[in-house]
Amino acid sequence: MLYEANGITKIYLACGHTDLRRGIDGLAQIVEGQFHLDPFEKNVLFLFCGKRADRIKGLLWEGNGFLLLYKRLESGSFSWPRTSDEAVQISKGEYRLLMKGLNPVQPRIREVSPTTAF
C-alpha cells in the first residue's frame, strides 16, 4: 500500500528530520502547528523521516480515524530532502521516486561521460 499510494489525493514530505518516536497526535501536531496544514484532510498522506533515513512514518486521515504507516528499509536509506523545515507537496511520480531511493525534490542522476562505452 505504501508504494502504490492508491486513493491518496495529495502527498506532503516533512523536509528535514523528525523525531520518529512521535505517535499520531505528535505528528498531527507538527502538520498543524509547524506546517499550517490540516491533518484531518481526507486521503492526504504526510510523510516524515528520522535522522538515520532508513525509516519513514506516514500519517493519513481516512475520514473516521488516522492510519499510521511505518516503513523500515533493511538496507540502504531514503534520499530525503534535509535542507528545510517545511512541508513540500510532491506528485505521485515523485513519490514513486522516493520509494525507489531517489530524492523527489532534487533527484540526482549520475551523468555518464561521452567517452564511457557500454
PDB file of N, CA and C in Angstrom:
ATOM      1  N   MET A   1       0.813  -1.193   0.000  1.00  0.00           N
ATOM      2  CA  MET A   1       0.000   0.000   0.000  1.00  0.00           C
ATOM      3  C   MET A   1       0.855   1.254   0.000  1.00  0.00           C
ATOM      4  N   LEU A   2       1.930   1.250   0.762  1.00  0.00           N
ATOM      5  CA  LEU A   2       2.744   2.455   0.854  1.00  0.00           C
ATOM      6  C   LEU A   2       3.400   2.788  -0.478  1.00  0.00           C
ATOM      7  N   TYR A   3       3.774   1.772  -1.255  1.00  0.00           N
ATOM      8  CA  TYR A   3       4.405   2.047  -2.543  1.00  0.00           C
ATOM      9  C   TYR A   3       3.392   2.527  -3.575  1.00  0.00           C
ATOM     10  N   GLU A   4       2.219   1.957  -3.602  1.00  0.00           N
ATOM     11  CA  GLU A   4       1.219   2.283  -4.619  1.00  0.00           C
ATOM     12  C   GLU A   4       0.532   3.616  -4.373  1.00  0.00           C
ATOM     13  N   ALA A   5       0.244   3.958  -3.143  1.00  0.00           N
ATOM     14  CA  ALA A   5      -0.447   5.195  -2.764  1.00  0.00           C
ATOM     15  C   ALA A   5      -1.812   5.304  -3.430  1.00  0.00           C
ATOM     16  N   ASN A   6      -2.514   4.187  -3.544  1.00  0.00           N
ATOM     17  CA  ASN A   6      -3.852   4.199  -4.127  1.00  0.00           C
ATOM     18  C   ASN A   6      -4.817   4.969  -3.236  1.00  0.00           C
ATOM     19  N   GLY A   7      -5.642   5.810  -3.839  1.00  0.00           N
ATOM     20  CA  GLY A   7      -6.625   6.589  -3.109  1.00  0.00           C
ATOM     21  C   GLY A   7      -6.086   7.852  -2.481  1.00  0.00           C
ATOM     22  N   ILE A   8      -4.783   8.089  -2.573  1.00  0.00           N
ATOM     23  CA  ILE A   8      -4.167   9.275  -1.995  1.00  0.00           C
ATOM     24  C   ILE A   8      -4.335  10.439  -2.982  1.00  0.00           C
ATOM     25  N   THR A   9      -4.828  11.586  -2.489  1.00  0.00           N
ATOM     26  CA  THR A   9      -5.027  12.740  -3.364  1.00  0.00           C
ATOM     27  C   THR A   9      -3.853  13.716  -3.322  1.00  0.00           C
ATOM     28  N   LYS A  10      -3.203  13.847  -2.171  1.00  0.00           N
ATOM     29  CA  LYS A  10      -2.036  14.724  -2.018  1.00  0.00           C
ATOM     30  C   LYS A  10      -1.010  14.020  -1.148  1.00  0.00           C
ATOM     31  N   ILE A  11       0.268  14.337  -1.398  1.00  0.00           N
ATOM     32  CA  ILE A  11       1.359  13.775  -0.594  1.00  0.00           C
ATOM     33  C   ILE A  11       2.279  14.919  -0.197  1.00  0.00           C
ATOM     34  N   TYR A  12       2.555  15.028   1.099  1.00  0.00           N
ATOM     35  CA  TYR A  12       3.458  16.051   1.611  1.00  0.00           C
ATOM     36  C   TYR A  12       4.644  15.383   2.298  1.00  0.00           C
ATOM     37  N   LEU A  13       5.832  15.917   2.040  1.00  0.00           N
ATOM     38  CA  LEU A  13       7.033  15.500   2.761  1.00  0.00           C
ATOM     39  C   LEU A  13       7.342  16.537   3.821  1.00  0.00           C
ATOM     40  N   ALA A  14       7.629  16.088   5.021  1.00  0.00           N
ATOM     41  CA  ALA A  14       8.123  16.978   6.068  1.00  0.00           C
ATOM     42  C   ALA A  14       9.640  17.009   5.897  1.00  0.00           C
ATOM     43  N   CYS A  15      10.134  18.028   5.207  1.00  0.00           N
ATOM     44  CA  CYS A  15      11.575  18.128   4.941  1.00  0.00           C
ATOM     45  C   CYS A  15      12.340  18.252   6.253  1.00  0.00           C
ATOM     46  N   GLY A  16      13.580  17.861   6.219  1.00  0.00           N
ATOM     47  CA  GLY A  16      14.375  17.823   7.440  1.00  0.00           C
ATOM     48  C   GLY A  16      14.130  16.509   8.146  1.00  0.00           C
ATOM     49  N   HIS A  17      14.543  16.410   9.393  1.00  0.00           N
ATOM     50  CA  HIS A  17      14.313  15.165  10.121  1.00  0.00           C
ATOM     51  C   HIS A  17      13.288  15.380  11.226  1.00  0.00           C
ATOM     52  N   THR A  18      12.581  14.315  11.528  1.00  0.00           N
ATOM     53  CA  THR A  18      11.529  14.324  12.541  1.00  0.00           C
ATOM     54  C   THR A  18      11.846  13.241  13.567  1.00  0.00           C
ATOM     55  N   ASP A  19      11.548  13.519  14.806  1.00  0.00           N
ATOM     56  CA  ASP A  19      11.699  12.520  15.849  1.00  0.00           C
ATOM     57  C   ASP A  19      10.604  11.472  15.642  1.00  0.00           C
ATOM     58  N   LEU A  20      10.980  10.292  15.180  1.00  0.00           N
ATOM     59  CA  LEU A  20      10.003   9.261  14.861  1.00  0.00           C
ATOM     60  C   LEU A  20       9.451   8.539  16.082  1.00  0.00           C
ATOM     61  N   ARG A  21       9.853   8.954  17.261  1.00  0.00           N
ATOM     62  CA  ARG A  21       9.222   8.408  18.459  1.00  0.00           C
ATOM     63  C   ARG A  21       7.827   8.979  18.639  1.00  0.00           C
ATOM     64  N   ARG A  22       7.538  10.052  17.923  1.00  0.00           N
ATOM     65  CA  ARG A  22       6.208  10.658  17.993  1.00  0.00           C
ATOM     66  C   ARG A  22       5.168   9.715  17.405  1.00  0.00           C
ATOM     67  N   GLY A  23       4.002   9.759  17.994  1.00  0.00           N
ATOM     68  CA  GLY A  23       2.890   8.963  17.508  1.00  0.00           C
ATOM     69  C   GLY A  23       1.943   9.817  16.676  1.00  0.00           C
ATOM     70  N   ILE A  24       0.717   9.351  16.556  1.00  0.00           N
ATOM     71  CA  ILE A  24      -0.281  10.028  15.735  1.00  0.00           C
ATOM     72  C   ILE A  24      -0.498  11.465  16.194  1.00  0.00           C
ATOM     73  N   ASP A  25      -0.728  11.673  17.480  1.00  0.00           N
ATOM     74  CA  ASP A  25      -1.008  13.024  17.977  1.00  0.00           C
ATOM     75  C   ASP A  25       0.167  13.969  17.770  1.00  0.00           C
ATOM     76  N   GLY A  26       1.379  13.491  18.021  1.00  0.00           N
ATOM     77  CA  GLY A  26       2.566  14.329  17.843  1.00  0.00           C
ATOM     78  C   GLY A  26       2.805  14.700  16.391  1.00  0.00           C
ATOM     79  N   LEU A  27       2.606  13.751  15.482  1.00  0.00           N
ATOM     80  CA  LEU A  27       2.788  14.045  14.058  1.00  0.00           C
ATOM     81  C   LEU A  27       1.690  14.975  13.546  1.00  0.00           C
ATOM     82  N   ALA A  28       0.456  14.760  13.992  1.00  0.00           N
ATOM     83  CA  ALA A  28      -0.643  15.654  13.602  1.00  0.00           C
ATOM     84  C   ALA A  28      -0.386  17.068  14.108  1.00  0.00           C
ATOM     85  N   GLN A  29       0.213  17.178  15.279  1.00  0.00           N
ATOM     86  CA  GLN A  29       0.546  18.491  15.836  1.00  0.00           C
ATOM     87  C   GLN A  29       1.599  19.196  14.973  1.00  0.00           C
ATOM     88  N   ILE A  30       2.580  18.461  14.462  1.00  0.00           N
ATOM     89  CA  ILE A  30       3.580  19.042  13.563  1.00  0.00           C
ATOM     90  C   ILE A  30       2.908  19.549  12.289  1.00  0.00           C
ATOM     91  N   VAL A  31       2.025  18.736  11.714  1.00  0.00           N
ATOM     92  CA  VAL A  31       1.339  19.112  10.477  1.00  0.00           C
ATOM     93  C   VAL A  31       0.579  20.416  10.665  1.00  0.00           C
ATOM     94  N   GLU A  32      -0.148  20.501  11.770  1.00  0.00           N
ATOM     95  CA  GLU A  32      -0.980  21.679  12.010  1.00  0.00           C
ATOM     96  C   GLU A  32      -0.183  22.874  12.514  1.00  0.00           C
ATOM     97  N   GLY A  33       0.656  22.664  13.509  1.00  0.00           N
ATOM     98  CA  GLY A  33       1.364  23.767  14.147  1.00  0.00           C
ATOM     99  C   GLY A  33       2.537  24.307  13.361  1.00  0.00           C
ATOM    100  N   GLN A  34       3.362  23.444  12.814  1.00  0.00           N
ATOM    101  CA  GLN A  34       4.574  23.869  12.129  1.00  0.00           C
ATOM    102  C   GLN A  34       4.341  24.160  10.643  1.00  0.00           C
ATOM    103  N   PHE A  35       3.514  23.339   9.998  1.00  0.00           N
ATOM    104  CA  PHE A  35       3.322  23.473   8.555  1.00  0.00           C
ATOM    105  C   PHE A  35       2.037  24.206   8.187  1.00  0.00           C
ATOM    106  N   HIS A  36       1.170  24.458   9.167  1.00  0.00           N
ATOM    107  CA  HIS A  36      -0.096  25.155   8.957  1.00  0.00           C
ATOM    108  C   HIS A  36      -0.959  24.460   7.903  1.00  0.00           C
ATOM    109  N   LEU A  37      -0.984  23.127   7.976  1.00  0.00           N
ATOM    110  CA  LEU A  37      -1.816  22.311   7.105  1.00  0.00           C
ATOM    111  C   LEU A  37      -2.823  21.568   7.972  1.00  0.00           C
ATOM    112  N   ASP A  38      -3.866  21.038   7.354  1.00  0.00           N
ATOM    113  CA  ASP A  38      -4.923  20.348   8.079  1.00  0.00           C
ATOM    114  C   ASP A  38      -4.651  18.843   8.102  1.00  0.00           C
ATOM    115  N   PRO A  39      -4.301  18.274   9.265  1.00  0.00           N
ATOM    116  CA  PRO A  39      -4.035  16.839   9.315  1.00  0.00           C
ATOM    117  C   PRO A  39      -5.306  16.005   9.117  1.00  0.00           C
ATOM    118  N   PHE A  40      -6.480  16.646   9.210  1.00  0.00           N
ATOM    119  CA  PHE A  40      -7.760  15.949   9.055  1.00  0.00           C
ATOM    120  C   PHE A  40      -8.294  16.015   7.625  1.00  0.00           C
ATOM    121  N   GLU A  41      -7.473  16.458   6.683  1.00  0.00           N
ATOM    122  CA  GLU A  41      -7.899  16.459   5.278  1.00  0.00           C
ATOM    123  C   GLU A  41      -7.845  15.012   4.792  1.00  0.00           C
ATOM    124  N   LYS A  42      -8.972  14.530   4.303  1.00  0.00           N
ATOM    125  CA  LYS A  42      -9.106  13.117   3.945  1.00  0.00           C
ATOM    126  C   LYS A  42      -8.220  12.757   2.754  1.00  0.00           C
ATOM    127  N   ASN A  43      -7.605  11.577   2.839  1.00  0.00           N
ATOM    128  CA  ASN A  43      -6.766  10.987   1.786  1.00  0.00           C
ATOM    129  C   ASN A  43      -5.532  11.816   1.446  1.00  0.00           C
ATOM    130  N   VAL A  44      -5.012  12.545   2.423  1.00  0.00           N
ATOM    131  CA  VAL A  44      -3.766  13.289   2.265  1.00  0.00           C
ATOM    132  C   VAL A  44      -2.716  12.596   3.123  1.00  0.00           C
ATOM    133  N   LEU A  45      -1.609  12.221   2.504  1.00  0.00           N
ATOM    134  CA  LEU A  45      -0.540  11.494   3.180  1.00  0.00           C
ATOM    135  C   LEU A  45       0.580  12.452   3.557  1.00  0.00           C
ATOM    136  N   PHE A  46       0.940  12.461   4.828  1.00  0.00           N
ATOM    137  CA  PHE A  46       2.058  13.257   5.329  1.00  0.00           C
ATOM    138  C   PHE A  46       3.173  12.279   5.677  1.00  0.00           C
ATOM    139  N   LEU A  47       4.360  12.502   5.122  1.00  0.00           N
ATOM    140  CA  LEU A  47       5.494  11.602   5.343  1.00  0.00           C
ATOM    141  C   LEU A  47       6.576  12.292   6.165  1.00  0.00           C
ATOM    142  N   PHE A  48       7.165  11.544   7.089  1.00  0.00           N
ATOM    143  CA  PHE A  48       8.194  12.035   7.995  1.00  0.00           C
ATOM    144  C   PHE A  48       9.365  11.067   7.980  1.00  0.00           C
ATOM    145  N   CYS A  49      10.578  11.591   8.115  1.00  0.00           N
ATOM    146  CA  CYS A  49      11.776  10.763   8.100  1.00  0.00           C
ATOM    147  C   CYS A  49      12.648  11.127   9.306  1.00  0.00           C
ATOM    148  N   GLY A  50      13.267  10.129   9.907  1.00  0.00           N
ATOM    149  CA  GLY A  50      14.158  10.354  11.034  1.00  0.00           C
ATOM    150  C   GLY A  50      15.577  10.671  10.582  1.00  0.00           C
ATOM    151  N   LYS A  51      16.473  10.863  11.534  1.00  0.00           N
ATOM    152  CA  LYS A  51      17.868  11.210  11.228  1.00  0.00           C
ATOM    153  C   LYS A  51      18.591  10.110  10.463  1.00  0.00           C
ATOM    154  N   ARG A  52      18.298   8.863  10.775  1.00  0.00           N
ATOM    155  CA  ARG A  52      19.014   7.751  10.149  1.00  0.00           C
ATOM    156  C   ARG A  52      18.587   7.532   8.703  1.00  0.00           C
ATOM    157  N   ALA A  53      17.425   8.016   8.312  1.00  0.00           N
ATOM    158  CA  ALA A  53      16.902   7.965   6.943  1.00  0.00           C
ATOM    159  C   ALA A  53      16.674   6.542   6.431  1.00  0.00           C
ATOM    160  N   ASP A  54      16.624   5.567   7.330  1.00  0.00           N
ATOM    161  CA  ASP A  54      16.310   4.207   6.880  1.00  0.00           C
ATOM    162  C   ASP A  54      14.863   3.844   7.213  1.00  0.00           C
ATOM    163  N   ARG A  55      14.128   4.795   7.782  1.00  0.00           N
ATOM    164  CA  ARG A  55      12.737   4.552   8.131  1.00  0.00           C
ATOM    165  C   ARG A  55      11.923   5.826   7.969  1.00  0.00           C
ATOM    166  N   ILE A  56      10.675   5.638   7.603  1.00  0.00           N
ATOM    167  CA  ILE A  56       9.758   6.765   7.466  1.00  0.00           C
ATOM    168  C   ILE A  56       8.439   6.410   8.140  1.00  0.00           C
ATOM    169  N   LYS A  57       7.715   7.454   8.539  1.00  0.00           N
ATOM    170  CA  LYS A  57       6.359   7.297   9.055  1.00  0.00           C
ATOM    171  C   LYS A  57       5.433   8.103   8.167  1.00  0.00           C
ATOM    172  N   GLY A  58       4.252   7.571   7.980  1.00  0.00           N
ATOM    173  CA  GLY A  58       3.221   8.263   7.221  1.00  0.00           C
ATOM    174  C   GLY A  58       1.989   8.438   8.081  1.00  0.00           C
ATOM    175  N   LEU A  59       1.346   9.578   7.931  1.00  0.00           N
ATOM    176  CA  LEU A  59       0.127   9.886   8.668  1.00  0.00           C
ATOM    177  C   LEU A  59      -0.971  10.161   7.652  1.00  0.00           C
ATOM    178  N   LEU A  60      -2.093   9.461   7.785  1.00  0.00           N
ATOM    179  CA  LEU A  60      -3.176   9.557   6.814  1.00  0.00           C
ATOM    180  C   LEU A  60      -4.512   9.561   7.548  1.00  0.00           C
ATOM    181  N   TRP A  61      -5.324  10.607   7.303  1.00  0.00           N
ATOM    182  CA  TRP A  61      -6.677  10.664   7.868  1.00  0.00           C
ATOM    183  C   TRP A  61      -7.616   9.995   6.878  1.00  0.00           C
ATOM    184  N   GLU A  62      -8.350   8.977   7.337  1.00  0.00           N
ATOM    185  CA  GLU A  62      -9.242   8.226   6.458  1.00  0.00           C
ATOM    186  C   GLU A  62     -10.708   8.645   6.580  1.00  0.00           C
ATOM    187  N   GLY A  63     -10.964   9.688   7.325  1.00  0.00           N
ATOM    188  CA  GLY A  63     -12.336  10.162   7.483  1.00  0.00           C
ATOM    189  C   GLY A  63     -12.934   9.792   8.827  1.00  0.00           C
ATOM    190  N   ASN A  64     -12.550   8.641   9.357  1.00  0.00           N
ATOM    191  CA  ASN A  64     -13.055   8.228  10.664  1.00  0.00           C
ATOM    192  C   ASN A  64     -11.934   7.887  11.650  1.00  0.00           C
ATOM    193  N   GLY A  65     -10.702   8.118  11.231  1.00  0.00           N
ATOM    194  CA  GLY A  65      -9.554   7.857  12.098  1.00  0.00           C
ATOM    195  C   GLY A  65      -8.253   7.962  11.329  1.00  0.00           C
ATOM    196  N   PHE A  66      -7.172   8.051  12.068  1.00  0.00           N
ATOM    197  CA  PHE A  66      -5.848   8.146  11.457  1.00  0.00           C
ATOM    198  C   PHE A  66      -5.274   6.760  11.197  1.00  0.00           C
ATOM    199  N   LEU A  67      -4.516   6.676  10.138  1.00  0.00           N
ATOM    200  CA  LEU A  67      -3.727   5.496   9.828  1.00  0.00           C
ATOM    201  C   LEU A  67      -2.273   5.916   9.964  1.00  0.00           C
ATOM    202  N   LEU A  68      -1.520   5.211  10.785  1.00  0.00           N
ATOM    203  CA  LEU A  68      -0.100   5.493  10.979  1.00  0.00           C
ATOM    204  C   LEU A  68       0.687   4.407  10.267  1.00  0.00           C
ATOM    205  N   LEU A  69       1.470   4.809   9.278  1.00  0.00           N
ATOM    206  CA  LEU A  69       2.257   3.873   8.481  1.00  0.00           C
ATOM    207  C   LEU A  69       3.714   3.980   8.887  1.00  0.00           C
ATOM    208  N   TYR A  70       4.415   2.864   8.848  1.00  0.00           N
ATOM    209  CA  TYR A  70       5.819   2.839   9.233  1.00  0.00           C
ATOM    210  C   TYR A  70       6.551   1.917   8.269  1.00  0.00           C
ATOM    211  N   LYS A  71       7.626   2.419   7.698  1.00  0.00           N
ATOM    212  CA  LYS A  71       8.420   1.591   6.798  1.00  0.00           C
ATOM    213  C   LYS A  71       9.880   1.705   7.198  1.00  0.00           C
ATOM    214  N   ARG A  72      10.531   0.543   7.337  1.00  0.00           N
ATOM    215  CA  ARG A  72      11.956   0.488   7.649  1.00  0.00           C
ATOM    216  C   ARG A  72      12.638  -0.315   6.560  1.00  0.00           C
ATOM    217  N   LEU A  73      13.688   0.262   5.993  1.00  0.00           N
ATOM    218  CA  LEU A  73      14.460  -0.434   4.981  1.00  0.00           C
ATOM    219  C   LEU A  73      15.453  -1.364   5.652  1.00  0.00           C
ATOM    220  N   GLU A  74      15.606  -2.543   5.117  1.00  0.00           N
ATOM    221  CA  GLU A  74      16.572  -3.496   5.662  1.00  0.00           C
ATOM    222  C   GLU A  74      18.001  -3.115   5.291  1.00  0.00           C
ATOM    223  N   SER A  75      18.175  -2.504   4.127  1.00  0.00           N
ATOM    224  CA  SER A  75      19.498  -2.000   3.740  1.00  0.00           C
ATOM    225  C   SER A  75      19.283  -0.737   2.926  1.00  0.00           C
ATOM    226  N   GLY A  76      20.223   0.177   3.010  1.00  0.00           N
ATOM    227  CA  GLY A  76      20.117   1.445   2.300  1.00  0.00           C
ATOM    228  C   GLY A  76      19.341   2.470   3.101  1.00  0.00           C
ATOM    229  N   SER A  77      19.053   3.585   2.451  1.00  0.00           N
ATOM    230  CA  SER A  77      18.321   4.655   3.120  1.00  0.00           C
ATOM    231  C   SER A  77      17.527   5.450   2.089  1.00  0.00           C
ATOM    232  N   PHE A  78      16.552   6.186   2.596  1.00  0.00           N
ATOM    233  CA  PHE A  78      15.772   7.067   1.751  1.00  0.00           C
ATOM    234  C   PHE A  78      16.585   8.316   1.465  1.00  0.00           C
ATOM    235  N   SER A  79      16.484   8.829   0.261  1.00  0.00           N
ATOM    236  CA  SER A  79      17.122  10.102  -0.082  1.00  0.00           C
ATOM    237  C   SER A  79      16.113  11.191   0.232  1.00  0.00           C
ATOM    238  N   TRP A  80      16.229  11.748   1.415  1.00  0.00           N
ATOM    239  CA  TRP A  80      15.225  12.664   1.957  1.00  0.00           C
ATOM    240  C   TRP A  80      15.723  14.090   1.918  1.00  0.00           C
ATOM    241  N   PRO A  81      14.895  15.038   1.474  1.00  0.00           N
ATOM    242  CA  PRO A  81      15.321  16.451   1.478  1.00  0.00           C
ATOM    243  C   PRO A  81      15.541  16.946   2.905  1.00  0.00           C
ATOM    244  N   ARG A  82      16.748  17.356   3.208  1.00  0.00           N
ATOM    245  CA  ARG A  82      17.128  17.745   4.568  1.00  0.00           C
ATOM    246  C   ARG A  82      17.328  19.241   4.735  1.00  0.00           C
ATOM    247  N   THR A  83      17.111  20.024   3.711  1.00  0.00           N
ATOM    248  CA  THR A  83      17.514  21.419   3.720  1.00  0.00           C
ATOM    249  C   THR A  83      16.529  22.363   4.375  1.00  0.00           C
ATOM    250  N   SER A  84      15.342  21.927   4.716  1.00  0.00           N
ATOM    251  CA  SER A  84      14.342  22.875   5.172  1.00  0.00           C
ATOM    252  C   SER A  84      13.471  22.260   6.253  1.00  0.00           C
ATOM    253  N   ASP A  85      12.766  23.114   6.970  1.00  0.00           N
ATOM    254  CA  ASP A  85      11.803  22.655   7.969  1.00  0.00           C
ATOM    255  C   ASP A  85      10.392  22.997   7.513  1.00  0.00           C
ATOM    256  N   GLU A  86      10.098  22.688   6.257  1.00  0.00           N
ATOM    257  CA  GLU A  86       8.774  22.960   5.736  1.00  0.00           C
ATOM    258  C   GLU A  86       8.220  21.703   5.078  1.00  0.00           C
ATOM    259  N   ALA A  87       6.948  21.741   4.761  1.00  0.00           N
ATOM    260  CA  ALA A  87       6.311  20.627   4.066  1.00  0.00           C
ATOM    261  C   ALA A  87       6.298  20.949   2.575  1.00  0.00           C
ATOM    262  N   VAL A  88       6.652  19.959   1.776  1.00  0.00           N
ATOM    263  CA  VAL A  88       6.689  20.109   0.328  1.00  0.00           C
ATOM    264  C   VAL A  88       5.698  19.118  -0.264  1.00  0.00           C
ATOM    265  N   GLN A  89       4.797  19.622  -1.111  1.00  0.00           N
ATOM    266  CA  GLN A  89       3.866  18.712  -1.774  1.00  0.00           C
ATOM    267  C   GLN A  89       4.560  18.088  -2.972  1.00  0.00           C
ATOM    268  N   ILE A  90       4.397  16.782  -3.123  1.00  0.00           N
ATOM    269  CA  ILE A  90       5.003  16.077  -4.245  1.00  0.00           C
ATOM    270  C   ILE A  90       3.917  15.330  -5.025  1.00  0.00           C
ATOM    271  N   SER A  91       4.220  15.020  -6.262  1.00  0.00           N
ATOM    272  CA  SER A  91       3.296  14.277  -7.112  1.00  0.00           C
ATOM    273  C   SER A  91       3.436  12.781  -6.844  1.00  0.00           C
ATOM    274  N   LYS A  92       2.521  11.994  -7.412  1.00  0.00           N
ATOM    275  CA  LYS A  92       2.630  10.536  -7.253  1.00  0.00           C
ATOM    276  C   LYS A  92       3.884  10.007  -7.941  1.00  0.00           C
ATOM    277  N   GLY A  93       4.277  10.636  -9.056  1.00  0.00           N
ATOM    278  CA  GLY A  93       5.516  10.230  -9.728  1.00  0.00           C
ATOM    279  C   GLY A  93       6.730  10.489  -8.855  1.00  0.00           C
ATOM    280  N   GLU A  94       6.763  11.656  -8.210  1.00  0.00           N
ATOM    281  CA  GLU A  94       7.861  11.977  -7.294  1.00  0.00           C
ATOM    282  C   GLU A  94       7.838  11.047  -6.080  1.00  0.00           C
ATOM    283  N   TYR A  95       6.644  10.694  -5.644  1.00  0.00           N
ATOM    284  CA  TYR A  95       6.503   9.748  -4.530  1.00  0.00           C
ATOM    285  C   TYR A  95       7.121   8.402  -4.902  1.00  0.00           C
ATOM    286  N   ARG A  96       6.883   7.958  -6.113  1.00  0.00           N
ATOM    287  CA  ARG A  96       7.463   6.679  -6.555  1.00  0.00           C
ATOM    288  C   ARG A  96       8.990   6.767  -6.622  1.00  0.00           C
ATOM    289  N   LEU A  97       9.526   7.945  -7.019  1.00  0.00           N
ATOM    290  CA  LEU A  97      10.979   8.142  -6.991  1.00  0.00           C
ATOM    291  C   LEU A  97      11.504   7.973  -5.567  1.00  0.00           C
ATOM    292  N   LEU A  98      10.799   8.555  -4.609  1.00  0.00           N
ATOM    293  CA  LEU A  98      11.199   8.445  -3.200  1.00  0.00           C
ATOM    294  C   LEU A  98      11.215   6.988  -2.761  1.00  0.00           C
ATOM    295  N   MET A  99      10.195   6.240  -3.124  1.00  0.00           N
ATOM    296  CA  MET A  99      10.117   4.838  -2.728  1.00  0.00           C
ATOM    297  C   MET A  99      11.209   3.998  -3.400  1.00  0.00           C
ATOM    298  N   LYS A 100      11.783   4.504  -4.500  1.00  0.00           N
ATOM    299  CA  LYS A 100      12.888   3.815  -5.165  1.00  0.00           C
ATOM    300  C   LYS A 100      14.246   4.271  -4.651  1.00  0.00           C
ATOM    301  N   GLY A 101      14.252   5.254  -3.737  1.00  0.00           N
ATOM    302  CA  GLY A 101      15.500   5.697  -3.141  1.00  0.00           C
ATOM    303  C   GLY A 101      16.045   6.999  -3.683  1.00  0.00           C
ATOM    304  N   LEU A 102      15.311   7.682  -4.568  1.00  0.00           N
ATOM    305  CA  LEU A 102      15.765   8.963  -5.103  1.00  0.00           C
ATOM    306  C   LEU A 102      15.135  10.109  -4.323  1.00  0.00           C
ATOM    307  N   ASN A 103      15.798  11.243  -4.310  1.00  0.00           N
ATOM    308  CA  ASN A 103      15.267  12.437  -3.681  1.00  0.00           C
ATOM    309  C   ASN A 103      14.258  13.055  -4.648  1.00  0.00           C
ATOM    310  N   PRO A 104      12.969  13.087  -4.305  1.00  0.00           N
ATOM    311  CA  PRO A 104      11.971  13.591  -5.247  1.00  0.00           C
ATOM    312  C   PRO A 104      12.023  15.098  -5.452  1.00  0.00           C
ATOM    313  N   VAL A 105      12.595  15.832  -4.515  1.00  0.00           N
ATOM    314  CA  VAL A 105      12.660  17.287  -4.634  1.00  0.00           C
ATOM    315  C   VAL A 105      13.843  17.698  -5.499  1.00  0.00           C
ATOM    316  N   GLN A 106      14.980  17.044  -5.320  1.00  0.00           N
ATOM    317  CA  GLN A 106      16.178  17.325  -6.122  1.00  0.00           C
ATOM    318  C   GLN A 106      16.813  16.002  -6.528  1.00  0.00           C
ATOM    319  N   PRO A 107      16.177  15.279  -7.474  1.00  0.00           N
ATOM    320  CA  PRO A 107      16.772  13.993  -7.869  1.00  0.00           C
ATOM    321  C   PRO A 107      18.126  14.193  -8.514  1.00  0.00           C
ATOM    322  N   ARG A 108      19.052  13.353  -8.138  1.00  0.00           N
ATOM    323  CA  ARG A 108      20.400  13.427  -8.708  1.00  0.00           C
ATOM    324  C   ARG A 108      20.626  12.180  -9.534  1.00  0.00           C
ATOM    325  N   ILE A 109      20.847  12.387 -10.806  1.00  0.00           N
ATOM    326  CA  ILE A 109      21.126  11.283 -11.708  1.00  0.00           C
ATOM    327  C   ILE A 109      22.564  11.436 -12.173  1.00  0.00           C
ATOM    328  N   ARG A 110      23.329  10.386 -11.992  1.00  0.00           N
ATOM    329  CA  ARG A 110      24.735  10.426 -12.364  1.00  0.00           C
ATOM    330  C   ARG A 110      24.860  10.513 -13.875  1.00  0.00           C
ATOM    331  N   GLU A 111      25.618  11.492 -14.331  1.00  0.00           N
ATOM    332  CA  GLU A 111      25.829  11.651 -15.765  1.00  0.00           C
ATOM    333  C   GLU A 111      26.959  10.740 -16.220  1.00  0.00           C
ATOM    334  N   VAL A 112      26.779  10.159 -17.384  1.00  0.00           N
ATOM    335  CA  VAL A 112      27.789   9.302 -17.974  1.00  0.00           C
ATOM    336  C   VAL A 112      28.542  10.129 -19.005  1.00  0.00           C
ATOM    337  N   SER A 113      29.867  10.085 -18.923  1.00  0.00           N
ATOM    338  CA  SER A 113      30.649  10.858 -19.886  1.00  0.00           C
ATOM    339  C   SER A 113      30.550  10.229 -21.271  1.00  0.00           C
ATOM    340  N   PRO A 114      30.647  11.039 -22.339  1.00  0.00           N
ATOM    341  CA  PRO A 114      30.504  10.514 -23.690  1.00  0.00           C
ATOM    342  C   PRO A 114      31.598   9.501 -24.078  1.00  0.00           C
ATOM    343  N   THR A 115      32.699   9.486 -23.368  1.00  0.00           N
ATOM    344  CA  THR A 115      33.789   8.569 -23.704  1.00  0.00           C
ATOM    345  C   THR A 115      33.596   7.196 -23.061  1.00  0.00           C
ATOM    346  N   THR A 116      32.617   7.081 -22.154  1.00  0.00           N
ATOM    347  CA  THR A 116      32.387   5.810 -21.497  1.00  0.00           C
ATOM    348  C   THR A 116      31.610   4.891 -22.435  1.00  0.00           C
ATOM    349  N   ALA A 117      32.146   3.724 -22.694  1.00  0.00           N
ATOM    350  CA  ALA A 117      31.488   2.766 -23.585  1.00  0.00           C
ATOM    351  C   ALA A 117      30.639   1.809 -22.766  1.00  0.00           C
ATOM    352  N   PHE A 118      29.565   1.368 -23.351  1.00  0.00           N
ATOM    353  CA  PHE A 118      28.681   0.405 -22.684  1.00  0.00           C
ATOM    354  C   PHE A 118      28.925  -0.964 -23.198  1.00  0.00           C
TER     355      PHE A 118
END
